[in-house]
Amino acid sequence: MLDRDLAVLYEVETRTLNQAVKRRISRFPEDFMFQLNNDEFENLRSQFVISKTGGRRYLPFAFTEHGILMLSSVLNSETAIQVNIQIMRVFVKIREVMNLDTELKFKFQKIDMKLIDHDKKFGMVFDAIREIQRPSEKKKRKIGFDQEKK
């Protein structure tokens, strides 16, 4: 988003927004914000039919989603403050969900271990049942004399 659009959303002047960014430029690496070059600005101007007279003296800044969130911590409007508070609440909620997720994983691991143990025990039971069900191989006794015993 462009600086002028964000200024409207955060209820500050574009000039105020850009000053706040420049004062805290270390908070805005290139993956958070960049300044449009002349060609990009001319292309933008032609798309929106922006007047060449009056208007901007400087090339606009464009902000990524991370830059938009960072703006909430450097601007001093009521809207920016409320946005920043909501961001902090979301981070806390995410952490709670992640902790809950960890607890659930632990519980599932315990259940999985119990099931593995039960599988082994059932395997032993079924082996014993199969052994019982096998026909017994009794030695047949010969009828008559055993001549070797003499």
Foldseek 3Di string as FASTA:
>chain_A
DWLCVLCVQLVHHSVLLVVLCVVVVVQAPVLFKDFDDPVVVVVVCVVVVPDPPDDDPGTIMDGDPSNSLVSLVRDDGPSSVVSVVVVVVVVVVVVVVVVVVVVVVVVVVVVVVVVVVVVVVVVVVVVVVVVVPDDDDDDDDDPDDDVVVD
